[in-house]
Amino acid sequence: MYYMIYSEDVADSLAQRKITRPAHLARLEQLAAENRLLVAGPLPAVDAEDPGEAGFTGSLVVAEFASLEEAQQWAAADPYLAAGVYKESTVKPFRKVLP
């Protein structure tokens, strides 16, 4: 089943995001290689593709896991969380309808 992982950034997280990004992306690339990643990306702080110094307010990941517990464990191990970029993550089941 798919699960939605919504993670909210702490204030002024951009500098730490940049430092931690390679480790964060490596985990997403692993999900993609396993054909388990539906979508993933950051949430810009302003209405722009590249928010520049405004940074981001969080991230969204929708990926396939065996259970809610597995999805929660995966989210809890995110390098962004360990580095203090995320203040919290919410994990919920997600049912893809379209497209």
C-alpha atoms as a PDB file:
ATOM      1  CA  MET A   1       0.000   0.000   0.000  1.00  0.00           C
ATOM      2  CA  TYR A   2       1.061   3.578  -0.536  1.00  0.00           C
ATOM      3  CA  TYR A   3       1.704   5.947   2.361  1.00  0.00           C
ATOM      4  CA  MET A   4       1.918   9.728   2.403  1.00  0.00           C
ATOM      5  CA  ILE A   5       4.751  11.209   4.431  1.00  0.00           C
ATOM      6  CA  TYR A   6       4.318  14.923   5.047  1.00  0.00           C
ATOM      7  CA  SER A   7       7.260  16.499   6.836  1.00  0.00           C
ATOM      8  CA  GLU A   8       7.306  20.049   8.133  1.00  0.00           C
ATOM      9  CA  ASP A   9      10.541  22.053   8.298  1.00  0.00           C
ATOM     10  CA  VAL A  10      11.773  24.077  11.232  1.00  0.00           C
ATOM     11  CA  ALA A  11      12.227  27.797  10.565  1.00  0.00           C
ATOM     12  CA  ASP A  12      15.340  28.771   8.601  1.00  0.00           C
ATOM     13  CA  SER A  13      16.107  25.202   7.531  1.00  0.00           C
ATOM     14  CA  LEU A  14      17.615  25.983   4.109  1.00  0.00           C
ATOM     15  CA  ALA A  15      21.309  25.865   5.063  1.00  0.00           C
ATOM     16  CA  GLN A  16      20.945  22.526   6.855  1.00  0.00           C
ATOM     17  CA  ARG A  17      18.762  21.188   4.003  1.00  0.00           C
ATOM     18  CA  LYS A  18      21.557  21.881   1.524  1.00  0.00           C
ATOM     19  CA  ILE A  19      24.125  20.080   3.682  1.00  0.00           C
ATOM     20  CA  THR A  20      21.932  17.027   4.309  1.00  0.00           C
ATOM     21  CA  ARG A  21      20.307  16.783   0.859  1.00  0.00           C
ATOM     22  CA  PRO A  22      22.615  14.083  -0.627  1.00  0.00           C
ATOM     23  CA  ALA A  23      21.830  11.629   2.187  1.00  0.00           C
ATOM     24  CA  HIS A  24      18.105  12.459   2.004  1.00  0.00           C
ATOM     25  CA  LEU A  25      18.028  11.933  -1.780  1.00  0.00           C
ATOM     26  CA  ALA A  26      19.932   8.637  -1.561  1.00  0.00           C
ATOM     27  CA  ARG A  27      17.070   7.101   0.417  1.00  0.00           C
ATOM     28  CA  LEU A  28      14.506   8.356  -2.097  1.00  0.00           C
ATOM     29  CA  GLU A  29      16.601   7.028  -4.986  1.00  0.00           C
ATOM     30  CA  GLN A  30      16.612   3.619  -3.291  1.00  0.00           C
ATOM     31  CA  LEU A  31      12.803   3.638  -3.136  1.00  0.00           C
ATOM     32  CA  ALA A  32      12.700   4.650  -6.805  1.00  0.00           C
ATOM     33  CA  ALA A  33      15.103   1.844  -7.758  1.00  0.00           C
ATOM     34  CA  GLU A  34      12.751  -0.583  -6.016  1.00  0.00           C
ATOM     35  CA  ASN A  35       9.748   0.883  -7.943  1.00  0.00           C
ATOM     36  CA  ARG A  36       8.143   1.931  -4.643  1.00  0.00           C
ATOM     37  CA  LEU A  37       8.254   5.723  -5.051  1.00  0.00           C
ATOM     38  CA  LEU A  38       5.160   7.393  -6.497  1.00  0.00           C
ATOM     39  CA  VAL A  39       6.199  11.023  -5.955  1.00  0.00           C
ATOM     40  CA  ALA A  40       8.536  13.069  -3.781  1.00  0.00           C
ATOM     41  CA  GLY A  41       9.531  16.691  -3.504  1.00  0.00           C
ATOM     42  CA  PRO A  42       9.935  19.777  -1.364  1.00  0.00           C
ATOM     43  CA  LEU A  43       7.296  22.401  -0.612  1.00  0.00           C
ATOM     44  CA  PRO A  44       8.597  25.858  -1.618  1.00  0.00           C
ATOM     45  CA  ALA A  45       8.027  28.631   0.914  1.00  0.00           C
ATOM     46  CA  VAL A  46       6.920  30.958  -1.891  1.00  0.00           C
ATOM     47  CA  ASP A  47       4.956  30.439  -5.096  1.00  0.00           C
ATOM     48  CA  ALA A  48       7.960  29.711  -7.300  1.00  0.00           C
ATOM     49  CA  GLU A  49       9.687  26.680  -8.802  1.00  0.00           C
ATOM     50  CA  ASP A  50      12.958  27.887  -7.245  1.00  0.00           C
ATOM     51  CA  PRO A  51      12.215  29.702  -3.983  1.00  0.00           C
ATOM     52  CA  GLY A  52      15.801  30.896  -3.590  1.00  0.00           C
ATOM     53  CA  GLU A  53      16.640  32.070  -0.095  1.00  0.00           C
ATOM     54  CA  ALA A  54      12.973  31.747   0.964  1.00  0.00           C
ATOM     55  CA  GLY A  55      13.647  28.021   1.144  1.00  0.00           C
ATOM     56  CA  PHE A  56      11.084  25.352   1.836  1.00  0.00           C
ATOM     57  CA  THR A  57       8.392  24.649   4.408  1.00  0.00           C
ATOM     58  CA  GLY A  58       8.538  20.873   4.205  1.00  0.00           C
ATOM     59  CA  SER A  59       8.416  17.864   1.924  1.00  0.00           C
ATOM     60  CA  LEU A  60       5.973  15.307   0.595  1.00  0.00           C
ATOM     61  CA  VAL A  61       6.770  11.670  -0.176  1.00  0.00           C
ATOM     62  CA  VAL A  62       4.270   9.096  -1.408  1.00  0.00           C
ATOM     63  CA  ALA A  63       5.758   5.626  -1.481  1.00  0.00           C
ATOM     64  CA  GLU A  64       4.833   1.981  -1.115  1.00  0.00           C
ATOM     65  CA  PHE A  65       5.523   0.190   2.170  1.00  0.00           C
ATOM     66  CA  ALA A  66       4.394  -3.139   3.610  1.00  0.00           C
ATOM     67  CA  SER A  67       2.647  -1.459   6.539  1.00  0.00           C
ATOM     68  CA  LEU A  68       1.988   1.820   8.303  1.00  0.00           C
ATOM     69  CA  GLU A  69       4.593   0.851  10.901  1.00  0.00           C
ATOM     70  CA  GLU A  70       7.231   0.315   8.193  1.00  0.00           C
ATOM     71  CA  ALA A  71       6.408   3.689   6.635  1.00  0.00           C
ATOM     72  CA  GLN A  72       6.659   5.375  10.048  1.00  0.00           C
ATOM     73  CA  GLN A  73      10.022   3.727  10.705  1.00  0.00           C
ATOM     74  CA  TRP A  74      11.310   4.826   7.300  1.00  0.00           C
ATOM     75  CA  ALA A  75      10.169   8.411   7.947  1.00  0.00           C
ATOM     76  CA  ALA A  76      11.728   8.417  11.430  1.00  0.00           C
ATOM     77  CA  ALA A  77      15.110   7.502   9.912  1.00  0.00           C
ATOM     78  CA  ASP A  78      15.170  10.406   7.427  1.00  0.00           C
ATOM     79  CA  PRO A  79      18.480  12.311   7.522  1.00  0.00           C
ATOM     80  CA  TYR A  80      16.555  15.588   7.440  1.00  0.00           C
ATOM     81  CA  LEU A  81      14.874  14.649  10.725  1.00  0.00           C
ATOM     82  CA  ALA A  82      18.188  13.665  12.333  1.00  0.00           C
ATOM     83  CA  ALA A  83      19.818  16.910  11.118  1.00  0.00           C
ATOM     84  CA  GLY A  84      17.051  19.100  12.514  1.00  0.00           C
ATOM     85  CA  VAL A  85      15.592  20.161   9.151  1.00  0.00           C
ATOM     86  CA  TYR A  86      12.230  18.570   9.928  1.00  0.00           C
ATOM     87  CA  LYS A  87      10.410  19.344  13.134  1.00  0.00           C
ATOM     88  CA  GLU A  88       7.933  16.520  12.553  1.00  0.00           C
ATOM     89  CA  SER A  89       6.599  14.051  10.009  1.00  0.00           C
ATOM     90  CA  THR A  90       3.061  12.778   9.558  1.00  0.00           C
ATOM     91  CA  VAL A  91       2.513   9.377   7.945  1.00  0.00           C
ATOM     92  CA  LYS A  92      -0.889   8.292   6.639  1.00  0.00           C
ATOM     93  CA  PRO A  93      -2.179   5.612   4.268  1.00  0.00           C
ATOM     94  CA  PHE A  94      -2.702   6.887   0.718  1.00  0.00           C
ATOM     95  CA  ARG A  95      -4.923   5.394  -1.959  1.00  0.00           C
ATOM     96  CA  LYS A  96      -4.004   6.367  -5.503  1.00  0.00           C
ATOM     97  CA  VAL A  97      -7.095   6.948  -7.644  1.00  0.00           C
ATOM     98  CA  LEU A  98      -5.905   9.115 -10.566  1.00  0.00           C
ATOM     99  CA  PRO A  99      -4.223   9.162 -12.992  1.00  0.00           C
END
